[in-house]
Amino acid sequence: MDTHADPATLDVWSDPDAERIGTSATWITFARTIIAVGLAVAAAYEGSRDLLIASLAVYWVGDMLDGYVARVRGCETRTGASLDILCDRFCCAAFYVGLMWFDPGLAPAIIIYLAEFMVIDCFLSLAFLAWPVRSPNYFFVIDRKIWLWNWSKPAKAVNSSLFAVLLLVTGWTWLGVVIASALMALKIVSLIRMVGLGIPIPARTGAATTPSS
């Protein structure tokens, strides 16, 4: 998709009539979440680092697959995007809690990362619902800089893959703290910029009601 094209000509806008939960992409989201979290739990029971890494792999592959299926089958919905964002956090938490269990020394880096990913990044990602786009992947029609920093392909790779791979490969807590702190700073800057846009508030419809005393 040409992110520089006229927004009015792009197929990025939501369609209320198309909203539903039971799409093929959403079922993949549910399946990969159940499998990934199940593998993380099994890793704790078995004391298996390999199972924990398998959990991460299922999370990543499943996350790419559900997005691909949604685009190819034309079933991208705001409902599916929201569920995908929430399921990502569940998979992520299961993996990183397991990683802390295996290597408690990584806890400082992981705690900073989880605060960034599960709180600030979650708010940023769900904020797309305030605009009539189908998912954060299309936020470039609202603000290109915020999209580049958060939902372009390089940004997604850095925010999800890079941190986990470096922790697994190096085991260096100090490096994890640096990366997680840098990501936290970027998310805060993004949040400030998003607030500066003026997040639209839906107008109230229907007659106002006064609570009975």
C-alpha atoms as a PDB file:
ATOM      1  CA  MET A   1       0.000   0.000   0.000  1.00  0.00           C
ATOM      2  CA  ASP A   2       1.287   3.446  -0.960  1.00  0.00           C
ATOM      3  CA  THR A   3       1.397   5.324   2.336  1.00  0.00           C
ATOM      4  CA  HIS A   4       2.014   8.596   0.475  1.00  0.00           C
ATOM      5  CA  ALA A   5      -1.152   8.410  -1.636  1.00  0.00           C
ATOM      6  CA  ASP A   6      -4.189  10.606  -1.102  1.00  0.00           C
ATOM      7  CA  PRO A   7      -5.887   9.213   2.058  1.00  0.00           C
ATOM      8  CA  ALA A   8      -9.295   9.543   0.415  1.00  0.00           C
ATOM      9  CA  THR A   9      -8.281   6.999  -2.231  1.00  0.00           C
ATOM     10  CA  LEU A  10      -6.930   4.385   0.161  1.00  0.00           C
ATOM     11  CA  ASP A  11      -8.806   1.338   1.414  1.00  0.00           C
ATOM     12  CA  VAL A  12      -8.069   1.995   5.082  1.00  0.00           C
ATOM     13  CA  TRP A  13     -11.361   3.261   6.442  1.00  0.00           C
ATOM     14  CA  SER A  14     -13.652   1.323   8.740  1.00  0.00           C
ATOM     15  CA  ASP A  15     -17.014  -0.050   7.676  1.00  0.00           C
ATOM     16  CA  PRO A  16     -19.508  -0.446  10.546  1.00  0.00           C
ATOM     17  CA  ASP A  17     -21.505  -3.001   8.538  1.00  0.00           C
ATOM     18  CA  ALA A  18     -18.423  -5.246   8.252  1.00  0.00           C
ATOM     19  CA  GLU A  19     -17.723  -5.401  11.974  1.00  0.00           C
ATOM     20  CA  ARG A  20     -17.912  -8.885  13.494  1.00  0.00           C
ATOM     21  CA  ILE A  21     -15.880 -11.139  15.755  1.00  0.00           C
ATOM     22  CA  GLY A  22     -16.070 -14.459  13.918  1.00  0.00           C
ATOM     23  CA  THR A  23     -13.656 -13.844  11.048  1.00  0.00           C
ATOM     24  CA  SER A  24     -11.006 -16.326   9.924  1.00  0.00           C
ATOM     25  CA  ALA A  25      -8.288 -13.908  11.053  1.00  0.00           C
ATOM     26  CA  THR A  26      -9.782 -13.572  14.529  1.00  0.00           C
ATOM     27  CA  TRP A  27     -10.002 -17.333  14.946  1.00  0.00           C
ATOM     28  CA  ILE A  28      -6.294 -17.492  14.140  1.00  0.00           C
ATOM     29  CA  THR A  29      -5.706 -14.801  16.775  1.00  0.00           C
ATOM     30  CA  PHE A  30      -7.562 -16.868  19.377  1.00  0.00           C
ATOM     31  CA  ALA A  31      -5.789 -20.095  18.369  1.00  0.00           C
ATOM     32  CA  ARG A  32      -2.259 -18.673  18.424  1.00  0.00           C
ATOM     33  CA  THR A  33      -2.952 -17.041  21.781  1.00  0.00           C
ATOM     34  CA  ILE A  34      -4.177 -20.272  23.364  1.00  0.00           C
ATOM     35  CA  ILE A  35      -1.228 -22.226  21.958  1.00  0.00           C
ATOM     36  CA  ALA A  36       1.391 -19.612  22.853  1.00  0.00           C
ATOM     37  CA  VAL A  37       0.147 -19.163  26.420  1.00  0.00           C
ATOM     38  CA  GLY A  38      -0.265 -22.928  26.807  1.00  0.00           C
ATOM     39  CA  LEU A  39       3.346 -23.462  25.761  1.00  0.00           C
ATOM     40  CA  ALA A  40       4.498 -20.820  28.255  1.00  0.00           C
ATOM     41  CA  VAL A  41       2.599 -22.592  31.041  1.00  0.00           C
ATOM     42  CA  ALA A  42       4.034 -25.951  29.942  1.00  0.00           C
ATOM     43  CA  ALA A  43       7.507 -24.393  29.965  1.00  0.00           C
ATOM     44  CA  ALA A  44       7.054 -23.456  33.617  1.00  0.00           C
ATOM     45  CA  TYR A  45       5.805 -26.930  34.555  1.00  0.00           C
ATOM     46  CA  GLU A  46       8.538 -28.720  32.633  1.00  0.00           C
ATOM     47  CA  GLY A  47      11.293 -26.239  33.379  1.00  0.00           C
ATOM     48  CA  SER A  48      11.917 -26.091  29.639  1.00  0.00           C
ATOM     49  CA  ARG A  49      13.449 -23.004  28.075  1.00  0.00           C
ATOM     50  CA  ASP A  50      12.852 -24.569  24.648  1.00  0.00           C
ATOM     51  CA  LEU A  51       9.104 -24.618  25.246  1.00  0.00           C
ATOM     52  CA  LEU A  52       9.239 -20.971  26.282  1.00  0.00           C
ATOM     53  CA  ILE A  53      11.024 -20.075  23.048  1.00  0.00           C
ATOM     54  CA  ALA A  54       8.403 -22.100  21.155  1.00  0.00           C
ATOM     55  CA  SER A  55       5.741 -19.987  22.860  1.00  0.00           C
ATOM     56  CA  LEU A  56       7.414 -16.834  21.560  1.00  0.00           C
ATOM     57  CA  ALA A  57       7.694 -18.310  18.057  1.00  0.00           C
ATOM     58  CA  VAL A  58       3.988 -19.212  17.970  1.00  0.00           C
ATOM     59  CA  TYR A  59       3.113 -15.713  19.143  1.00  0.00           C
ATOM     60  CA  TRP A  60       5.199 -14.059  16.412  1.00  0.00           C
ATOM     61  CA  VAL A  61       4.231 -16.380  13.566  1.00  0.00           C
ATOM     62  CA  GLY A  62       0.570 -16.322  14.562  1.00  0.00           C
ATOM     63  CA  ASP A  63       0.606 -12.543  14.804  1.00  0.00           C
ATOM     64  CA  MET A  64       1.937 -12.254  11.257  1.00  0.00           C
ATOM     65  CA  LEU A  65      -0.469 -14.923   9.985  1.00  0.00           C
ATOM     66  CA  ASP A  66      -3.674 -13.407  11.350  1.00  0.00           C
ATOM     67  CA  GLY A  67      -2.789 -10.020   9.845  1.00  0.00           C
ATOM     68  CA  TYR A  68      -1.956 -11.607   6.495  1.00  0.00           C
ATOM     69  CA  VAL A  69      -5.200 -13.590   6.424  1.00  0.00           C
ATOM     70  CA  ALA A  70      -7.213 -10.513   7.362  1.00  0.00           C
ATOM     71  CA  ARG A  71      -5.751  -8.556   4.445  1.00  0.00           C
ATOM     72  CA  VAL A  72      -5.945 -11.367   1.868  1.00  0.00           C
ATOM     73  CA  ARG A  73      -9.496 -12.402   2.763  1.00  0.00           C
ATOM     74  CA  GLY A  74     -10.714  -8.827   3.151  1.00  0.00           C
ATOM     75  CA  CYS A  75     -11.833  -9.297   6.743  1.00  0.00           C
ATOM     76  CA  GLU A  76      -9.911  -6.549   8.509  1.00  0.00           C
ATOM     77  CA  THR A  77     -12.130  -5.118  11.217  1.00  0.00           C
ATOM     78  CA  ARG A  78     -11.685  -2.775  14.149  1.00  0.00           C
ATOM     79  CA  THR A  79     -12.985  -5.562  16.377  1.00  0.00           C
ATOM     80  CA  GLY A  80     -10.313  -7.942  15.107  1.00  0.00           C
ATOM     81  CA  ALA A  81      -7.591  -5.313  15.429  1.00  0.00           C
ATOM     82  CA  SER A  82      -8.577  -4.594  19.033  1.00  0.00           C
ATOM     83  CA  LEU A  83      -8.632  -8.284  19.942  1.00  0.00           C
ATOM     84  CA  ASP A  84      -5.254  -8.738  18.249  1.00  0.00           C
ATOM     85  CA  ILE A  85      -3.746  -5.924  20.332  1.00  0.00           C
ATOM     86  CA  LEU A  86      -5.076  -7.409  23.581  1.00  0.00           C
ATOM     87  CA  CYS A  87      -4.054 -10.965  22.708  1.00  0.00           C
ATOM     88  CA  ASP A  88      -0.557  -9.729  21.859  1.00  0.00           C
ATOM     89  CA  ARG A  89      -0.249  -8.433  25.421  1.00  0.00           C
ATOM     90  CA  PHE A  90      -1.412 -11.747  26.885  1.00  0.00           C
ATOM     91  CA  CYS A  91       1.116 -13.721  24.822  1.00  0.00           C
ATOM     92  CA  CYS A  92       3.854 -11.226  25.626  1.00  0.00           C
ATOM     93  CA  ALA A  93       3.179 -11.298  29.362  1.00  0.00           C
ATOM     94  CA  ALA A  94       3.173 -15.107  29.426  1.00  0.00           C
ATOM     95  CA  PHE A  95       6.548 -15.226  27.678  1.00  0.00           C
ATOM     96  CA  TYR A  96       8.304 -12.539  29.712  1.00  0.00           C
ATOM     97  CA  VAL A  97       7.006 -13.752  33.068  1.00  0.00           C
ATOM     98  CA  GLY A  98       8.359 -17.152  32.093  1.00  0.00           C
ATOM     99  CA  LEU A  99      11.680 -15.627  31.069  1.00  0.00           C
ATOM    100  CA  MET A 100      11.967 -13.873  34.430  1.00  0.00           C
ATOM    101  CA  TRP A 101      11.262 -17.200  36.115  1.00  0.00           C
ATOM    102  CA  PHE A 102      14.141 -18.802  34.219  1.00  0.00           C
ATOM    103  CA  ASP A 103      16.488 -15.824  34.646  1.00  0.00           C
ATOM    104  CA  PRO A 104      15.481 -13.490  37.517  1.00  0.00           C
ATOM    105  CA  GLY A 105      18.454 -11.265  36.725  1.00  0.00           C
ATOM    106  CA  LEU A 106      16.613 -10.023  33.626  1.00  0.00           C
ATOM    107  CA  ALA A 107      13.721  -8.706  35.731  1.00  0.00           C
ATOM    108  CA  PRO A 108      14.707  -4.976  35.680  1.00  0.00           C
ATOM    109  CA  ALA A 109      14.780  -4.897  31.870  1.00  0.00           C
ATOM    110  CA  ILE A 110      11.610  -6.959  31.525  1.00  0.00           C
ATOM    111  CA  ILE A 111       9.612  -4.879  34.003  1.00  0.00           C
ATOM    112  CA  ILE A 112      10.468  -1.673  32.120  1.00  0.00           C
ATOM    113  CA  TYR A 113       9.544  -3.316  28.832  1.00  0.00           C
ATOM    114  CA  LEU A 114       6.242  -4.667  30.136  1.00  0.00           C
ATOM    115  CA  ALA A 115       5.309  -1.240  31.521  1.00  0.00           C
ATOM    116  CA  GLU A 116       6.004   0.235  28.090  1.00  0.00           C
ATOM    117  CA  PHE A 117       4.313  -2.483  26.023  1.00  0.00           C
ATOM    118  CA  MET A 118       1.329  -3.349  28.198  1.00  0.00           C
ATOM    119  CA  VAL A 119       0.383   0.143  29.360  1.00  0.00           C
ATOM    120  CA  ILE A 120       1.644   2.990  27.161  1.00  0.00           C
ATOM    121  CA  ASP A 121       1.882   1.069  23.893  1.00  0.00           C
ATOM    122  CA  CYS A 122      -1.469  -0.611  24.563  1.00  0.00           C
ATOM    123  CA  PHE A 123      -3.128   2.786  25.026  1.00  0.00           C
ATOM    124  CA  LEU A 124      -1.465   4.133  21.881  1.00  0.00           C
ATOM    125  CA  SER A 125      -2.509   1.090  19.862  1.00  0.00           C
ATOM    126  CA  LEU A 126      -6.134   1.152  20.996  1.00  0.00           C
ATOM    127  CA  ALA A 127      -6.369   4.911  20.469  1.00  0.00           C
ATOM    128  CA  PHE A 128      -6.832   4.241  16.743  1.00  0.00           C
ATOM    129  CA  LEU A 129     -10.481   3.565  17.653  1.00  0.00           C
ATOM    130  CA  ALA A 130     -10.979   7.313  18.030  1.00  0.00           C
ATOM    131  CA  TRP A 131     -10.467   7.701  14.270  1.00  0.00           C
ATOM    132  CA  PRO A 132     -12.362   5.891  11.448  1.00  0.00           C
ATOM    133  CA  VAL A 133      -9.471   3.632  10.374  1.00  0.00           C
ATOM    134  CA  ARG A 134      -9.540  -0.162  10.536  1.00  0.00           C
ATOM    135  CA  SER A 135      -6.373  -0.629  12.582  1.00  0.00           C
ATOM    136  CA  PRO A 136      -3.202   1.117  13.807  1.00  0.00           C
ATOM    137  CA  ASN A 137      -1.502  -0.164  10.639  1.00  0.00           C
ATOM    138  CA  TYR A 138      -3.286   2.630   8.779  1.00  0.00           C
ATOM    139  CA  PHE A 139      -2.570   5.432  11.212  1.00  0.00           C
ATOM    140  CA  PHE A 140      -0.346   7.080   8.602  1.00  0.00           C
ATOM    141  CA  VAL A 141      -3.500   8.739   7.220  1.00  0.00           C
ATOM    142  CA  ILE A 142      -3.918  10.445  10.603  1.00  0.00           C
ATOM    143  CA  ASP A 143      -0.294  11.177  11.565  1.00  0.00           C
ATOM    144  CA  ARG A 144       2.648   9.780   9.610  1.00  0.00           C
ATOM    145  CA  LYS A 145       5.268  10.336  12.324  1.00  0.00           C
ATOM    146  CA  ILE A 146       3.329   8.455  14.983  1.00  0.00           C
ATOM    147  CA  TRP A 147       2.778   5.630  12.509  1.00  0.00           C
ATOM    148  CA  LEU A 148       6.459   5.512  11.558  1.00  0.00           C
ATOM    149  CA  TRP A 149       7.533   5.388  15.206  1.00  0.00           C
ATOM    150  CA  ASN A 150       5.035   2.723  16.235  1.00  0.00           C
ATOM    151  CA  TRP A 151       3.355   0.686  13.475  1.00  0.00           C
ATOM    152  CA  SER A 152       5.574   0.733  10.423  1.00  0.00           C
ATOM    153  CA  LYS A 153       7.273  -2.633   9.838  1.00  0.00           C
ATOM    154  CA  PRO A 154      10.673  -1.512  11.220  1.00  0.00           C
ATOM    155  CA  ALA A 155       9.017  -0.020  14.297  1.00  0.00           C
ATOM    156  CA  LYS A 156       7.085  -3.229  14.979  1.00  0.00           C
ATOM    157  CA  ALA A 157      10.251  -5.304  14.597  1.00  0.00           C
ATOM    158  CA  VAL A 158      12.182  -3.159  17.066  1.00  0.00           C
ATOM    159  CA  ASN A 159       9.346  -3.014  19.584  1.00  0.00           C
ATOM    160  CA  SER A 160       8.608  -6.736  19.648  1.00  0.00           C
ATOM    161  CA  SER A 161      11.368  -8.836  18.114  1.00  0.00           C
ATOM    162  CA  LEU A 162      14.603  -6.987  18.850  1.00  0.00           C
ATOM    163  CA  PHE A 163      14.164  -6.803  22.598  1.00  0.00           C
ATOM    164  CA  ALA A 164      13.294 -10.480  23.030  1.00  0.00           C
ATOM    165  CA  VAL A 165      16.043 -11.710  20.701  1.00  0.00           C
ATOM    166  CA  LEU A 166      18.729  -9.636  22.413  1.00  0.00           C
ATOM    167  CA  LEU A 167      17.694 -10.857  25.858  1.00  0.00           C
ATOM    168  CA  LEU A 168      17.649 -14.475  24.726  1.00  0.00           C
ATOM    169  CA  VAL A 169      20.946 -14.282  22.826  1.00  0.00           C
ATOM    170  CA  THR A 170      23.010 -12.074  25.138  1.00  0.00           C
ATOM    171  CA  GLY A 171      21.345 -12.317  28.535  1.00  0.00           C
ATOM    172  CA  TRP A 172      22.659  -8.802  29.193  1.00  0.00           C
ATOM    173  CA  THR A 173      20.355  -7.021  31.611  1.00  0.00           C
ATOM    174  CA  TRP A 174      22.017  -3.641  31.093  1.00  0.00           C
ATOM    175  CA  LEU A 175      21.397  -3.806  27.340  1.00  0.00           C
ATOM    176  CA  GLY A 176      17.778  -4.787  27.934  1.00  0.00           C
ATOM    177  CA  VAL A 177      17.338  -1.844  30.309  1.00  0.00           C
ATOM    178  CA  VAL A 178      18.787   0.553  27.718  1.00  0.00           C
ATOM    179  CA  ILE A 179      16.551  -0.728  24.916  1.00  0.00           C
ATOM    180  CA  ALA A 180      13.426  -0.901  27.073  1.00  0.00           C
ATOM    181  CA  SER A 181      14.052   2.612  28.394  1.00  0.00           C
ATOM    182  CA  ALA A 182      14.565   3.942  24.854  1.00  0.00           C
ATOM    183  CA  LEU A 183      11.305   2.304  23.763  1.00  0.00           C
ATOM    184  CA  MET A 184       9.556   3.792  26.793  1.00  0.00           C
ATOM    185  CA  ALA A 185      10.835   7.272  25.868  1.00  0.00           C
ATOM    186  CA  LEU A 186       9.672   6.850  22.262  1.00  0.00           C
ATOM    187  CA  LYS A 187       6.211   5.753  23.386  1.00  0.00           C
ATOM    188  CA  ILE A 188       5.913   8.724  25.737  1.00  0.00           C
ATOM    189  CA  VAL A 189       6.882  11.103  22.924  1.00  0.00           C
ATOM    190  CA  SER A 190       4.317   9.384  20.687  1.00  0.00           C
ATOM    191  CA  LEU A 191       1.659   9.711  23.369  1.00  0.00           C
ATOM    192  CA  ILE A 192       2.384  13.419  23.812  1.00  0.00           C
ATOM    193  CA  ARG A 193       2.167  13.947  20.055  1.00  0.00           C
ATOM    194  CA  MET A 194      -1.082  11.959  19.857  1.00  0.00           C
ATOM    195  CA  VAL A 195      -2.652  13.997  22.650  1.00  0.00           C
ATOM    196  CA  GLY A 196      -1.531  17.099  20.770  1.00  0.00           C
ATOM    197  CA  LEU A 197      -3.551  15.952  17.753  1.00  0.00           C
ATOM    198  CA  GLY A 198      -6.680  16.249  19.833  1.00  0.00           C
ATOM    199  CA  ILE A 199      -8.119  12.755  20.234  1.00  0.00           C
ATOM    200  CA  PRO A 200     -11.688  13.051  18.901  1.00  0.00           C
ATOM    201  CA  ILE A 201     -14.511  12.315  21.305  1.00  0.00           C
ATOM    202  CA  PRO A 202     -17.728  10.809  19.878  1.00  0.00           C
ATOM    203  CA  ALA A 203     -20.691  13.127  20.085  1.00  0.00           C
ATOM    204  CA  ARG A 204     -23.524  12.136  22.408  1.00  0.00           C
ATOM    205  CA  THR A 205     -26.577  10.885  20.552  1.00  0.00           C
ATOM    206  CA  GLY A 206     -30.120  10.646  21.793  1.00  0.00           C
ATOM    207  CA  ALA A 207     -31.786  12.512  24.615  1.00  0.00           C
ATOM    208  CA  ALA A 208     -29.859  13.089  27.793  1.00  0.00           C
ATOM    209  CA  THR A 209     -31.223  11.315  30.838  1.00  0.00           C
ATOM    210  CA  THR A 210     -31.146  12.567  34.380  1.00  0.00           C
ATOM    211  CA  PRO A 211     -30.597   9.957  37.116  1.00  0.00           C
ATOM    212  CA  SER A 212     -33.568   9.681  39.421  1.00  0.00           C
ATOM    213  CA  SER A 213     -33.002  10.702  43.017  1.00  0.00           C
END
